[in-house]
N, C-alpha and C. Protein backbone atom coordinates (compact mmCIF):
# COMPACT_ATOMS: atom_id res chain seq x y z
N GLN A 1 209.71 39.97 117.99
CA GLN A 1 208.94 40.19 116.77
C GLN A 1 208.76 38.86 116.05
N VAL A 2 207.59 38.71 115.42
CA VAL A 2 207.25 37.48 114.72
C VAL A 2 207.20 37.76 113.23
N GLN A 3 207.80 36.89 112.46
CA GLN A 3 207.76 37.02 111.00
C GLN A 3 207.09 35.80 110.40
N LEU A 4 206.25 36.05 109.41
CA LEU A 4 205.62 34.99 108.64
C LEU A 4 206.04 35.15 107.19
N VAL A 5 206.60 34.12 106.63
CA VAL A 5 207.05 34.16 105.24
C VAL A 5 206.25 33.16 104.44
N GLU A 6 205.51 33.66 103.48
CA GLU A 6 204.66 32.82 102.64
C GLU A 6 205.33 32.55 101.30
N SER A 7 204.99 31.42 100.72
CA SER A 7 205.49 31.09 99.40
C SER A 7 204.53 30.13 98.73
N GLY A 8 204.69 29.98 97.43
CA GLY A 8 203.92 28.98 96.70
C GLY A 8 202.82 29.51 95.82
N GLY A 9 202.54 30.80 95.88
CA GLY A 9 201.50 31.34 95.01
C GLY A 9 201.96 31.39 93.57
N GLY A 10 201.04 31.75 92.68
CA GLY A 10 201.39 31.86 91.27
C GLY A 10 200.20 31.79 90.38
N LEU A 11 200.48 31.56 89.11
CA LEU A 11 199.45 31.46 88.08
C LEU A 11 199.29 30.01 87.66
N VAL A 12 198.05 29.55 87.63
CA VAL A 12 197.79 28.16 87.26
C VAL A 12 196.49 28.10 86.47
N GLN A 13 196.37 27.11 85.62
CA GLN A 13 195.13 26.94 84.86
C GLN A 13 194.08 26.26 85.74
N ALA A 14 192.84 26.48 85.39
CA ALA A 14 191.75 25.83 86.10
C ALA A 14 191.95 24.31 86.08
N GLY A 15 191.71 23.70 87.23
CA GLY A 15 191.93 22.28 87.38
C GLY A 15 193.31 21.92 87.91
N GLY A 16 194.18 22.90 87.95
CA GLY A 16 195.54 22.67 88.43
C GLY A 16 195.66 22.72 89.94
N SER A 17 196.90 22.61 90.40
CA SER A 17 197.17 22.57 91.84
C SER A 17 198.29 23.54 92.21
N LEU A 18 198.23 24.00 93.43
CA LEU A 18 199.30 24.79 94.03
C LEU A 18 199.41 24.40 95.49
N ARG A 19 200.60 24.60 96.05
CA ARG A 19 200.79 24.35 97.47
C ARG A 19 201.40 25.59 98.09
N LEU A 20 200.69 26.16 99.03
CA LEU A 20 201.17 27.33 99.76
C LEU A 20 201.87 26.89 101.04
N SER A 21 202.91 27.63 101.40
CA SER A 21 203.60 27.40 102.66
C SER A 21 203.74 28.71 103.41
N CYS A 22 203.75 28.61 104.73
CA CYS A 22 203.93 29.79 105.57
C CYS A 22 204.78 29.38 106.77
N ALA A 23 205.96 29.95 106.86
CA ALA A 23 206.88 29.63 107.94
C ALA A 23 206.94 30.78 108.94
N ALA A 24 206.76 30.45 110.21
CA ALA A 24 206.81 31.45 111.27
C ALA A 24 208.16 31.40 111.98
N SER A 25 208.67 32.58 112.31
CA SER A 25 209.93 32.65 113.05
C SER A 25 209.89 33.87 113.96
N GLY A 26 210.85 33.91 114.89
CA GLY A 26 210.92 35.06 115.78
C GLY A 26 210.46 34.72 117.18
N ALA A 27 209.99 35.73 117.86
CA ALA A 27 209.68 35.62 119.29
C ALA A 27 208.28 35.09 119.54
N ILE A 28 208.07 33.86 119.16
CA ILE A 28 206.81 33.22 119.50
C ILE A 28 207.11 31.81 119.94
N TRP A 29 206.66 31.44 121.11
CA TRP A 29 207.04 30.16 121.70
C TRP A 29 205.93 29.14 121.59
N THR A 30 204.71 29.61 121.46
CA THR A 30 203.58 28.69 121.33
C THR A 30 202.69 29.18 120.21
N ILE A 31 202.48 28.34 119.21
CA ILE A 31 201.57 28.66 118.13
C ILE A 31 200.33 27.80 118.28
N ASN A 32 199.21 28.42 118.41
CA ASN A 32 197.96 27.68 118.54
C ASN A 32 197.37 27.43 117.16
N THR A 33 196.24 28.01 116.86
CA THR A 33 195.64 27.78 115.56
C THR A 33 196.44 28.46 114.45
N MET A 34 196.57 27.77 113.34
CA MET A 34 197.18 28.32 112.13
C MET A 34 196.13 28.27 111.03
N GLY A 35 196.13 29.28 110.18
CA GLY A 35 195.10 29.30 109.17
C GLY A 35 195.48 30.07 107.92
N TRP A 36 194.64 29.93 106.93
CA TRP A 36 194.78 30.65 105.66
C TRP A 36 193.49 31.42 105.40
N TYR A 37 193.64 32.66 105.00
CA TYR A 37 192.54 33.51 104.60
C TYR A 37 192.81 33.97 103.17
N ARG A 38 191.78 34.49 102.54
CA ARG A 38 191.99 35.06 101.21
C ARG A 38 191.08 36.27 101.01
N ARG A 39 191.54 37.14 100.13
CA ARG A 39 190.76 38.31 99.75
C ARG A 39 190.76 38.40 98.23
N ALA A 40 189.60 38.21 97.66
CA ALA A 40 189.44 38.34 96.22
C ALA A 40 189.13 39.80 95.88
N PRO A 41 189.38 40.22 94.65
CA PRO A 41 189.10 41.61 94.27
C PRO A 41 187.65 41.98 94.53
N GLY A 42 187.45 43.07 95.25
CA GLY A 42 186.11 43.56 95.51
C GLY A 42 185.37 42.81 96.59
N LYS A 43 186.04 41.89 97.27
CA LYS A 43 185.37 41.10 98.30
C LYS A 43 186.10 41.24 99.63
N GLN A 44 185.40 40.85 100.69
CA GLN A 44 186.02 40.88 102.01
C GLN A 44 186.90 39.66 102.21
N ARG A 45 187.83 39.81 103.12
CA ARG A 45 188.69 38.68 103.46
C ARG A 45 187.85 37.58 104.10
N GLU A 46 188.15 36.35 103.73
CA GLU A 46 187.40 35.21 104.27
C GLU A 46 188.35 34.11 104.71
N LEU A 47 187.90 33.35 105.69
CA LEU A 47 188.66 32.19 106.15
C LEU A 47 188.58 31.09 105.10
N VAL A 48 189.71 30.56 104.74
CA VAL A 48 189.77 29.43 103.81
C VAL A 48 189.87 28.12 104.59
N ALA A 49 190.83 28.05 105.50
CA ALA A 49 191.03 26.82 106.28
C ALA A 49 191.83 27.15 107.53
N ALA A 50 191.61 26.37 108.58
CA ALA A 50 192.35 26.54 109.82
C ALA A 50 192.62 25.18 110.43
N ILE A 51 193.67 25.11 111.24
CA ILE A 51 194.06 23.85 111.86
C ILE A 51 194.54 24.13 113.28
N THR A 52 194.13 23.27 114.21
CA THR A 52 194.51 23.44 115.61
C THR A 52 195.95 23.02 115.83
N ARG A 53 196.45 23.33 117.02
CA ARG A 53 197.85 23.04 117.34
C ARG A 53 198.19 21.56 117.19
N ALA A 54 197.34 20.71 117.68
CA ALA A 54 197.60 19.28 117.60
C ALA A 54 197.33 18.71 116.21
N GLY A 55 196.71 19.51 115.38
CA GLY A 55 196.48 19.06 114.01
C GLY A 55 195.23 18.22 113.82
N GLY A 56 194.58 17.89 114.94
CA GLY A 56 193.41 17.04 114.81
C GLY A 56 192.15 17.76 114.43
N GLY A 57 192.15 19.06 114.59
CA GLY A 57 190.96 19.83 114.27
C GLY A 57 191.20 20.73 113.09
N THR A 58 190.36 20.58 112.06
CA THR A 58 190.47 21.44 110.89
C THR A 58 189.11 22.03 110.56
N ASN A 59 189.14 23.15 109.89
CA ASN A 59 187.93 23.85 109.51
C ASN A 59 188.14 24.41 108.12
N TYR A 60 187.15 24.21 107.24
CA TYR A 60 187.27 24.67 105.86
C TYR A 60 186.06 25.50 105.46
N ALA A 61 186.29 26.45 104.59
CA ALA A 61 185.18 27.14 103.96
C ALA A 61 184.44 26.14 103.06
N ASP A 62 183.13 26.26 102.99
CA ASP A 62 182.36 25.33 102.17
C ASP A 62 182.84 25.30 100.73
N SER A 63 183.28 26.42 100.24
CA SER A 63 183.67 26.53 98.83
C SER A 63 184.94 25.75 98.49
N VAL A 64 185.71 25.35 99.50
CA VAL A 64 186.97 24.65 99.22
C VAL A 64 186.99 23.23 99.77
N LYS A 65 185.95 22.83 100.46
CA LYS A 65 185.91 21.47 101.02
C LYS A 65 186.04 20.44 99.92
N GLY A 66 186.90 19.45 100.20
CA GLY A 66 187.13 18.39 99.22
C GLY A 66 188.19 18.72 98.19
N ARG A 67 188.61 19.98 98.13
CA ARG A 67 189.63 20.39 97.16
C ARG A 67 190.91 20.87 97.83
N PHE A 68 190.79 21.51 98.98
CA PHE A 68 191.95 22.05 99.69
C PHE A 68 192.21 21.22 100.95
N THR A 69 193.49 21.12 101.31
CA THR A 69 193.87 20.43 102.54
C THR A 69 194.89 21.27 103.29
N ILE A 70 194.61 21.54 104.56
CA ILE A 70 195.54 22.27 105.40
C ILE A 70 196.29 21.30 106.29
N SER A 71 197.57 21.57 106.50
CA SER A 71 198.38 20.74 107.38
C SER A 71 199.44 21.64 108.02
N ARG A 72 200.11 21.10 109.04
CA ARG A 72 201.13 21.89 109.71
C ARG A 72 202.26 21.00 110.19
N ASP A 73 203.42 21.61 110.36
CA ASP A 73 204.59 20.95 110.92
C ASP A 73 205.02 21.80 112.12
N ASN A 74 204.76 21.30 113.31
CA ASN A 74 205.03 22.07 114.52
C ASN A 74 206.53 22.19 114.81
N VAL A 75 207.33 21.31 114.27
CA VAL A 75 208.78 21.42 114.45
C VAL A 75 209.31 22.60 113.62
N LYS A 76 208.79 22.72 112.42
CA LYS A 76 209.22 23.79 111.52
C LYS A 76 208.39 25.07 111.66
N ASN A 77 207.37 25.03 112.53
CA ASN A 77 206.46 26.19 112.67
C ASN A 77 205.92 26.63 111.30
N THR A 78 205.49 25.67 110.54
CA THR A 78 205.05 25.92 109.17
C THR A 78 203.66 25.35 108.94
N VAL A 79 202.85 26.11 108.22
CA VAL A 79 201.53 25.64 107.83
C VAL A 79 201.47 25.59 106.31
N TYR A 80 200.77 24.60 105.80
CA TYR A 80 200.67 24.37 104.36
C TYR A 80 199.20 24.40 103.93
N LEU A 81 199.00 24.74 102.68
CA LEU A 81 197.68 24.64 102.09
C LEU A 81 197.83 24.01 100.71
N GLN A 82 197.42 22.76 100.60
CA GLN A 82 197.43 22.08 99.32
C GLN A 82 196.11 22.38 98.62
N MET A 83 196.20 22.98 97.45
CA MET A 83 195.01 23.39 96.72
C MET A 83 194.94 22.62 95.40
N ASN A 84 193.92 21.79 95.28
CA ASN A 84 193.71 20.99 94.08
C ASN A 84 192.44 21.42 93.37
N SER A 85 192.30 21.02 92.13
CA SER A 85 191.10 21.33 91.34
C SER A 85 190.76 22.81 91.44
N LEU A 86 191.74 23.63 91.23
CA LEU A 86 191.55 25.07 91.38
C LEU A 86 190.59 25.61 90.35
N LYS A 87 189.82 26.62 90.78
CA LYS A 87 188.82 27.25 89.93
C LYS A 87 189.15 28.75 89.80
N PRO A 88 188.67 29.38 88.75
CA PRO A 88 188.93 30.83 88.62
C PRO A 88 188.45 31.62 89.84
N GLU A 89 187.40 31.16 90.48
CA GLU A 89 186.89 31.89 91.66
C GLU A 89 187.80 31.72 92.88
N ASP A 90 188.81 30.90 92.78
CA ASP A 90 189.80 30.82 93.86
C ASP A 90 190.86 31.91 93.75
N THR A 91 190.83 32.66 92.68
CA THR A 91 191.78 33.75 92.49
C THR A 91 191.64 34.77 93.61
N ALA A 92 192.75 35.04 94.29
CA ALA A 92 192.75 35.94 95.44
C ALA A 92 194.17 36.10 95.95
N VAL A 93 194.32 37.03 96.88
CA VAL A 93 195.55 37.08 97.67
C VAL A 93 195.31 36.23 98.91
N TYR A 94 196.21 35.30 99.15
CA TYR A 94 196.07 34.39 100.28
C TYR A 94 197.02 34.82 101.40
N TYR A 95 196.46 34.87 102.60
CA TYR A 95 197.20 35.32 103.77
C TYR A 95 197.27 34.22 104.81
N CYS A 96 198.44 34.05 105.35
CA CYS A 96 198.64 33.14 106.46
C CYS A 96 198.37 33.88 107.76
N ASN A 97 197.79 33.18 108.72
CA ASN A 97 197.54 33.75 110.04
C ASN A 97 197.88 32.73 111.12
N ILE A 98 198.53 33.19 112.17
CA ILE A 98 198.79 32.31 113.30
C ILE A 98 198.31 32.98 114.58
N LYS A 99 197.86 32.15 115.50
CA LYS A 99 197.38 32.63 116.79
C LYS A 99 198.37 32.18 117.86
N GLY A 100 198.84 33.13 118.67
CA GLY A 100 199.71 32.81 119.77
C GLY A 100 198.96 32.91 121.09
N PRO A 101 199.68 32.89 122.20
CA PRO A 101 199.03 33.03 123.50
C PRO A 101 198.50 34.45 123.71
N TYR A 102 197.55 34.56 124.64
CA TYR A 102 196.98 35.86 125.01
C TYR A 102 196.37 36.57 123.81
N ALA A 103 195.70 35.84 122.95
CA ALA A 103 194.98 36.38 121.79
C ALA A 103 195.88 37.06 120.77
N ALA A 104 197.16 36.78 120.82
CA ALA A 104 198.07 37.36 119.81
C ALA A 104 197.72 36.79 118.44
N SER A 105 197.80 37.63 117.41
CA SER A 105 197.48 37.21 116.05
C SER A 105 198.47 37.87 115.10
N TYR A 106 199.01 37.05 114.20
CA TYR A 106 200.03 37.55 113.28
C TYR A 106 199.64 37.18 111.85
N TRP A 107 200.00 38.07 110.91
CA TRP A 107 199.62 37.89 109.52
C TRP A 107 200.85 37.88 108.62
N GLY A 108 200.77 37.08 107.58
CA GLY A 108 201.78 37.11 106.54
C GLY A 108 201.52 38.26 105.59
N GLN A 109 202.44 38.43 104.64
CA GLN A 109 202.35 39.56 103.73
C GLN A 109 201.38 39.29 102.57
N GLY A 110 200.99 38.06 102.40
CA GLY A 110 200.07 37.70 101.32
C GLY A 110 200.80 37.18 100.10
N THR A 111 200.17 36.22 99.44
CA THR A 111 200.72 35.68 98.21
C THR A 111 199.59 35.56 97.19
N GLN A 112 199.85 35.99 95.98
CA GLN A 112 198.83 36.02 94.95
C GLN A 112 198.64 34.65 94.32
N VAL A 113 197.39 34.23 94.23
CA VAL A 113 197.02 33.01 93.50
C VAL A 113 196.07 33.44 92.38
N THR A 114 196.43 33.11 91.16
CA THR A 114 195.60 33.45 90.01
C THR A 114 195.31 32.18 89.23
N VAL A 115 194.02 31.93 89.03
CA VAL A 115 193.58 30.73 88.31
C VAL A 115 192.92 31.19 87.02
N SER A 116 193.49 30.78 85.91
CA SER A 116 192.96 31.17 84.61
C SER A 116 191.98 30.11 84.10
N SER A 117 190.99 30.58 83.38
CA SER A 117 189.96 29.65 82.86
C SER A 117 190.34 29.10 81.49
């Protein structure tokens, strides 16, 4: 069984910063792509950012480019999302996702990010 533990969410004023972390543990030997998704109230879940195993390939939603940075530590099986210049429209539940071999996909429990104006 694979567990993902997220941390770092909270309440912040517009223009502030937060750093999300997601640590994977359990029966997974190879982690491929790691990513962050979010679901805002009344909206569908969307990809925020993703990073390949080697870390050289990243992908960002247009709405967060230049403000968010995704990174990973393959020794710690942890993915991070540094969020700067936060806006009220970034308010959402953020979910960590990891891809294993054979199309395996695992999700974290979600962490709330609230940005006040």
